[in-house]
PDB file of all heavy atoms in Angstrom:
ATOM      1  N   GLN A   1     -17.202 -34.940  74.656  1.00  0.00           N
ATOM      2  CA  GLN A   1     -16.571 -33.825  73.872  1.00  0.00           C
ATOM      3  C   GLN A   1     -16.110 -34.412  72.529  1.00  0.00           C
ATOM      4  O   GLN A   1     -15.474 -35.429  72.424  1.00  0.00           O
ATOM      5  CB  GLN A   1     -15.373 -33.240  74.610  1.00  0.00           C
ATOM      6  CG  GLN A   1     -14.644 -32.079  73.864  1.00  0.00           C
ATOM      7  CD  GLN A   1     -13.440 -31.582  74.693  1.00  0.00           C
ATOM      8  OE1 GLN A   1     -13.425 -31.790  75.934  1.00  0.00           O
ATOM      9  NE2 GLN A   1     -12.572 -30.893  74.081  1.00  0.00           N
ATOM     10  N   HIS A   2     -16.473 -33.669  71.466  1.00  0.00           N
ATOM     11  CA  HIS A   2     -16.174 -34.226  70.094  1.00  0.00           C
ATOM     12  C   HIS A   2     -14.716 -34.581  69.881  1.00  0.00           C
ATOM     13  O   HIS A   2     -14.409 -35.581  69.195  1.00  0.00           O
ATOM     14  CB  HIS A   2     -16.683 -33.224  69.017  1.00  0.00           C
ATOM     15  CG  HIS A   2     -16.630 -33.837  67.646  1.00  0.00           C
ATOM     16  ND1 HIS A   2     -15.543 -33.744  66.853  1.00  0.00           N
ATOM     17  CD2 HIS A   2     -17.651 -34.411  66.882  1.00  0.00           C
ATOM     18  CE1 HIS A   2     -15.720 -34.371  65.635  1.00  0.00           C
ATOM     19  NE2 HIS A   2     -17.005 -34.767  65.695  1.00  0.00           N
ATOM     20  N   SER A   3     -13.870 -33.770  70.379  1.00  0.00           N
ATOM     21  CA  SER A   3     -12.454 -34.029  70.118  1.00  0.00           C
ATOM     22  C   SER A   3     -11.917 -35.278  70.864  1.00  0.00           C
ATOM     23  O   SER A   3     -10.878 -35.833  70.586  1.00  0.00           O
ATOM     24  CB  SER A   3     -11.587 -32.841  70.679  1.00  0.00           C
ATOM     25  OG  SER A   3     -11.731 -32.664  72.023  1.00  0.00           O
ATOM     26  N   LEU A   4     -12.714 -35.904  71.709  1.00  0.00           N
ATOM     27  CA  LEU A   4     -12.364 -37.056  72.451  1.00  0.00           C
ATOM     28  C   LEU A   4     -13.026 -38.272  71.902  1.00  0.00           C
ATOM     29  O   LEU A   4     -12.716 -39.382  72.345  1.00  0.00           O
ATOM     30  CB  LEU A   4     -12.863 -36.951  73.905  1.00  0.00           C
ATOM     31  CG  LEU A   4     -12.112 -35.801  74.711  1.00  0.00           C
ATOM     32  CD1 LEU A   4     -12.655 -35.801  76.071  1.00  0.00           C
ATOM     33  CD2 LEU A   4     -10.576 -35.901  74.696  1.00  0.00           C
ATOM     34  N   LEU A   5     -13.877 -38.173  70.934  1.00  0.00           N
ATOM     35  CA  LEU A   5     -14.642 -39.308  70.371  1.00  0.00           C
ATOM     36  C   LEU A   5     -13.692 -40.256  69.699  1.00  0.00           C
ATOM     37  O   LEU A   5     -13.835 -41.437  69.717  1.00  0.00           O
ATOM     38  CB  LEU A   5     -15.717 -38.870  69.462  1.00  0.00           C
ATOM     39  CG  LEU A   5     -16.827 -38.073  70.157  1.00  0.00           C
ATOM     40  CD1 LEU A   5     -17.974 -37.727  69.150  1.00  0.00           C
ATOM     41  CD2 LEU A   5     -17.439 -38.910  71.217  1.00  0.00           C
ATOM     42  N   GLY A   6     -12.747 -39.757  68.869  1.00  0.00           N
ATOM     43  CA  GLY A   6     -11.804 -40.531  68.181  1.00  0.00           C
ATOM     44  C   GLY A   6     -12.408 -41.387  66.998  1.00  0.00           C
ATOM     45  O   GLY A   6     -11.832 -42.395  66.639  1.00  0.00           O
ATOM     46  N   ARG A   7     -13.608 -41.104  66.542  1.00  0.00           N
ATOM     47  CA  ARG A   7     -14.203 -41.824  65.573  1.00  0.00           C
ATOM     48  C   ARG A   7     -13.627 -41.661  64.157  1.00  0.00           C
ATOM     49  O   ARG A   7     -13.503 -40.516  63.780  1.00  0.00           O
ATOM     50  CB  ARG A   7     -15.716 -41.617  65.455  1.00  0.00           C
ATOM     51  CG  ARG A   7     -16.377 -42.364  64.256  1.00  0.00           C
ATOM     52  CD  ARG A   7     -17.882 -42.061  64.404  1.00  0.00           C
ATOM     53  NE  ARG A   7     -18.236 -40.805  64.026  1.00  0.00           N
ATOM     54  CZ  ARG A   7     -18.615 -40.388  62.795  1.00  0.00           C
ATOM     55  NH1 ARG A   7     -18.646 -41.301  61.781  1.00  0.00           N
ATOM     56  NH2 ARG A   7     -18.965 -39.140  62.447  1.00  0.00           N
ATOM     57  N   LYS A   8     -13.177 -42.647  63.472  1.00  0.00           N
ATOM     58  CA  LYS A   8     -12.847 -42.555  62.113  1.00  0.00           C
ATOM     59  C   LYS A   8     -13.606 -43.636  61.213  1.00  0.00           C
ATOM     60  O   LYS A   8     -14.036 -43.300  60.195  1.00  0.00           O
ATOM     61  CB  LYS A   8     -11.313 -42.850  61.953  1.00  0.00           C
ATOM     62  CG  LYS A   8     -10.831 -42.608  60.477  1.00  0.00           C
ATOM     63  CD  LYS A   8      -9.359 -42.622  60.368  1.00  0.00           C
ATOM     64  CE  LYS A   8      -8.918 -42.248  58.962  1.00  0.00           C
ATOM     65  NZ  LYS A   8      -7.425 -42.276  58.840  1.00  0.00           N
ATOM     66  N   ILE A   9     -13.712 -44.819  61.774  1.00  0.00           N
ATOM     67  CA  ILE A   9     -14.515 -45.864  61.123  1.00  0.00           C
ATOM     68  C   ILE A   9     -15.645 -46.218  62.027  1.00  0.00           C
ATOM     69  O   ILE A   9     -15.457 -46.383  63.289  1.00  0.00           O
ATOM     70  CB  ILE A   9     -13.724 -47.050  60.839  1.00  0.00           C
ATOM     71  CG1 ILE A   9     -12.494 -46.717  60.051  1.00  0.00           C
ATOM     72  CG2 ILE A   9     -14.553 -48.113  59.969  1.00  0.00           C
ATOM     73  CD1 ILE A   9     -12.616 -45.952  58.692  1.00  0.00           C
ATOM     74  N   LEU A  10     -16.830 -46.336  61.524  1.00  0.00           N
ATOM     75  CA  LEU A  10     -18.031 -46.757  62.313  1.00  0.00           C
ATOM     76  C   LEU A  10     -18.629 -47.984  61.768  1.00  0.00           C
ATOM     77  O   LEU A  10     -18.709 -48.167  60.512  1.00  0.00           O
ATOM     78  CB  LEU A  10     -19.050 -45.680  62.257  1.00  0.00           C
ATOM     79  CG  LEU A  10     -20.384 -45.925  63.042  1.00  0.00           C
ATOM     80  CD1 LEU A  10     -20.149 -46.034  64.512  1.00  0.00           C
ATOM     81  CD2 LEU A  10     -21.518 -44.870  62.790  1.00  0.00           C
ATOM     82  N   ALA A  11     -18.993 -49.030  62.540  1.00  0.00           N
ATOM     83  CA  ALA A  11     -19.628 -50.237  62.141  1.00  0.00           C
ATOM     84  C   ALA A  11     -20.737 -50.492  63.031  1.00  0.00           C
ATOM     85  O   ALA A  11     -20.666 -50.273  64.291  1.00  0.00           O
ATOM     86  CB  ALA A  11     -18.690 -51.371  62.039  1.00  0.00           C
ATOM     87  N   ALA A  12     -21.836 -51.089  62.521  1.00  0.00           N
ATOM     88  CA  ALA A  12     -23.031 -51.478  63.378  1.00  0.00           C
ATOM     89  C   ALA A  12     -23.831 -52.662  62.769  1.00  0.00           C
ATOM     90  O   ALA A  12     -23.689 -52.863  61.569  1.00  0.00           O
ATOM     91  CB  ALA A  12     -23.942 -50.286  63.470  1.00  0.00           C
ATOM     92  N   ILE A  13     -24.331 -53.387  63.670  1.00  0.00           N
ATOM     93  CA  ILE A  13     -25.211 -54.555  63.246  1.00  0.00           C
ATOM     94  C   ILE A  13     -26.639 -54.213  63.699  1.00  0.00           C
ATOM     95  O   ILE A  13     -26.902 -53.803  64.856  1.00  0.00           O
ATOM     96  CB  ILE A  13     -24.748 -55.838  63.809  1.00  0.00           C
ATOM     97  CG1 ILE A  13     -23.351 -56.175  63.378  1.00  0.00           C
ATOM     98  CG2 ILE A  13     -25.677 -56.907  63.476  1.00  0.00           C
ATOM     99  CD1 ILE A  13     -22.771 -57.510  63.979  1.00  0.00           C
ATOM    100  N   ILE A  14     -27.527 -54.264  62.685  1.00  0.00           N
ATOM    101  CA  ILE A  14     -28.908 -53.847  62.887  1.00  0.00           C
ATOM    102  C   ILE A  14     -29.745 -55.147  62.790  1.00  0.00           C
ATOM    103  O   ILE A  14     -29.602 -55.940  61.787  1.00  0.00           O
ATOM    104  CB  ILE A  14     -29.420 -52.817  61.820  1.00  0.00           C
ATOM    105  CG1 ILE A  14     -28.611 -51.545  62.015  1.00  0.00           C
ATOM    106  CG2 ILE A  14     -30.828 -52.633  61.810  1.00  0.00           C
ATOM    107  CD1 ILE A  14     -27.347 -51.388  61.300  1.00  0.00           C
ATOM    108  N   MET A  15     -30.691 -55.295  63.644  1.00  0.00           N
ATOM    109  CA  MET A  15     -31.747 -56.358  63.629  1.00  0.00           C
ATOM    110  C   MET A  15     -32.996 -55.853  63.133  1.00  0.00           C
ATOM    111  O   MET A  15     -33.494 -54.900  63.639  1.00  0.00           O
ATOM    112  CB  MET A  15     -31.823 -57.046  64.966  1.00  0.00           C
ATOM    113  CG  MET A  15     -32.799 -58.162  65.011  1.00  0.00           C
ATOM    114  SD  MET A  15     -33.009 -58.910  66.669  1.00  0.00           S
ATOM    115  CE  MET A  15     -33.862 -57.666  67.537  1.00  0.00           C
ATOM    116  N   ARG A  16     -33.568 -56.534  62.140  1.00  0.00           N
ATOM    117  CA  ARG A  16     -34.945 -56.237  61.694  1.00  0.00           C
ATOM    118  C   ARG A  16     -35.825 -57.426  61.804  1.00  0.00           C
ATOM    119  O   ARG A  16     -35.497 -58.582  61.774  1.00  0.00           O
ATOM    120  CB  ARG A  16     -34.907 -55.957  60.099  1.00  0.00           C
ATOM    121  CG  ARG A  16     -34.048 -54.638  59.766  1.00  0.00           C
ATOM    122  CD  ARG A  16     -34.240 -54.459  58.276  1.00  0.00           C
ATOM    123  NE  ARG A  16     -35.588 -53.922  57.978  1.00  0.00           N
ATOM    124  CZ  ARG A  16     -36.177 -54.050  56.760  1.00  0.00           C
ATOM    125  NH1 ARG A  16     -35.521 -54.708  55.806  1.00  0.00           N
ATOM    126  NH2 ARG A  16     -37.424 -53.691  56.529  1.00  0.00           N
ATOM    127  N   ARG A  17     -37.168 -57.103  62.100  1.00  0.00           N
ATOM    128  CA  ARG A  17     -38.217 -58.049  62.205  1.00  0.00           C
ATOM    129  C   ARG A  17     -39.142 -57.953  61.096  1.00  0.00           C
ATOM    130  O   ARG A  17     -39.795 -56.966  60.936  1.00  0.00           O
ATOM    131  CB  ARG A  17     -38.933 -57.932  63.553  1.00  0.00           C
ATOM    132  CG  ARG A  17     -38.096 -58.243  64.803  1.00  0.00           C
ATOM    133  CD  ARG A  17     -38.884 -58.076  66.062  1.00  0.00           C
ATOM    134  NE  ARG A  17     -38.138 -58.217  67.276  1.00  0.00           N
ATOM    135  CZ  ARG A  17     -38.055 -59.425  67.840  1.00  0.00           C
ATOM    136  NH1 ARG A  17     -38.665 -60.461  67.403  1.00  0.00           N
ATOM    137  NH2 ARG A  17     -37.264 -59.607  68.924  1.00  0.00           N
ATOM    138  N   GLY A  18     -39.179 -58.904  60.189  1.00  0.00           N
ATOM    139  CA  GLY A  18     -39.962 -58.836  58.999  1.00  0.00           C
ATOM    140  C   GLY A  18     -39.490 -57.707  58.036  1.00  0.00           C
ATOM    141  O   GLY A  18     -38.366 -57.312  58.053  1.00  0.00           O
ATOM    142  N   GLN A  19     -40.414 -57.160  57.243  1.00  0.00           N
ATOM    143  CA  GLN A  19     -40.130 -56.184  56.271  1.00  0.00           C
ATOM    144  C   GLN A  19     -40.578 -54.795  56.791  1.00  0.00           C
ATOM    145  O   GLN A  19     -40.426 -53.825  56.024  1.00  0.00           O
ATOM    146  CB  GLN A  19     -40.792 -56.505  55.003  1.00  0.00           C
ATOM    147  CG  GLN A  19     -40.359 -57.782  54.370  1.00  0.00           C
ATOM    148  CD  GLN A  19     -38.889 -57.773  54.048  1.00  0.00           C
ATOM    149  OE1 GLN A  19     -38.285 -56.830  53.577  1.00  0.00           O
ATOM    150  NE2 GLN A  19     -38.179 -58.874  54.455  1.00  0.00           N
ATOM    151  N   GLU A  20     -41.102 -54.723  57.976  1.00  0.00           N
ATOM    152  CA  GLU A  20     -41.634 -53.459  58.501  1.00  0.00           C
ATOM    153  C   GLU A  20     -40.512 -52.665  59.280  1.00  0.00           C
ATOM    154  O   GLU A  20     -39.866 -53.301  60.166  1.00  0.00           O
ATOM    155  CB  GLU A  20     -42.881 -53.672  59.423  1.00  0.00           C
ATOM    156  CG  GLU A  20     -44.019 -54.279  58.642  1.00  0.00           C
ATOM    157  CD  GLU A  20     -44.590 -53.312  57.633  1.00  0.00           C
ATOM    158  OE1 GLU A  20     -44.546 -52.181  57.739  1.00  0.00           O
ATOM    159  OE2 GLU A  20     -45.071 -53.916  56.568  1.00  0.00           O
ATOM    160  N   GLY A  21     -40.333 -51.477  58.971  1.00  0.00           N
ATOM    161  CA  GLY A  21     -39.398 -50.610  59.731  1.00  0.00           C
ATOM    162  C   GLY A  21     -37.971 -50.949  59.479  1.00  0.00           C
ATOM    163  O   GLY A  21     -37.658 -51.838  58.678  1.00  0.00           O
ATOM    164  N   LEU A  22     -37.126 -50.177  60.048  1.00  0.00           N
ATOM    165  CA  LEU A  22     -35.704 -50.267  59.797  1.00  0.00           C
ATOM    166  C   LEU A  22     -35.080 -51.271  60.762  1.00  0.00           C
ATOM    167  O   LEU A  22     -33.975 -51.787  60.477  1.00  0.00           O
ATOM    168  CB  LEU A  22     -34.984 -48.906  60.074  1.00  0.00           C
ATOM    169  CG  LEU A  22     -35.368 -47.768  59.067  1.00  0.00           C
ATOM    170  CD1 LEU A  22     -34.652 -46.519  59.401  1.00  0.00           C
ATOM    171  CD2 LEU A  22     -35.014 -48.202  57.673  1.00  0.00           C
ATOM    172  N   GLY A  23     -35.673 -51.446  61.932  1.00  0.00           N
ATOM    173  CA  GLY A  23     -35.073 -52.299  62.947  1.00  0.00           C
ATOM    174  C   GLY A  23     -34.359 -51.524  64.065  1.00  0.00           C
ATOM    175  O   GLY A  23     -34.628 -50.405  64.208  1.00  0.00           O
ATOM    176  N   VAL A  24     -33.456 -52.166  64.690  1.00  0.00           N
ATOM    177  CA  VAL A  24     -32.829 -51.430  65.801  1.00  0.00           C
ATOM    178  C   VAL A  24     -31.336 -51.802  65.807  1.00  0.00           C
ATOM    179  O   VAL A  24     -30.942 -53.020  65.485  1.00  0.00           O
ATOM    180  CB  VAL A  24     -33.451 -51.901  67.107  1.00  0.00           C
ATOM    181  CG1 VAL A  24     -33.389 -53.399  67.371  1.00  0.00           C
ATOM    182  CG2 VAL A  24     -32.855 -51.112  68.334  1.00  0.00           C
ATOM    183  N   VAL A  25     -30.415 -50.989  66.226  1.00  0.00           N
ATOM    184  CA  VAL A  25     -29.025 -51.238  66.316  1.00  0.00           C
ATOM    185  C   VAL A  25     -28.785 -52.125  67.575  1.00  0.00           C
ATOM    186  O   VAL A  25     -29.146 -51.676  68.630  1.00  0.00           O
ATOM    187  CB  VAL A  25     -28.204 -49.862  66.404  1.00  0.00           C
ATOM    188  CG1 VAL A  25     -26.664 -50.252  66.646  1.00  0.00           C
ATOM    189  CG2 VAL A  25     -28.406 -49.126  65.144  1.00  0.00           C
ATOM    190  N   VAL A  26     -28.284 -53.289  67.400  1.00  0.00           N
ATOM    191  CA  VAL A  26     -28.007 -54.193  68.517  1.00  0.00           C
ATOM    192  C   VAL A  26     -26.551 -54.197  68.921  1.00  0.00           C
ATOM    193  O   VAL A  26     -26.197 -54.665  70.035  1.00  0.00           O
ATOM    194  CB  VAL A  26     -28.499 -55.576  68.206  1.00  0.00           C
ATOM    195  CG1 VAL A  26     -29.994 -55.622  68.031  1.00  0.00           C
ATOM    196  CG2 VAL A  26     -27.723 -56.213  67.064  1.00  0.00           C
TER     197      VAL A  26
END
């Protein structure tokens, strides 16, 4: 439920392999 998420700040680390694609959130 959205009211329970409590998100205000979001941070993520993404891994990329080479220059192709965006990578994946690890």
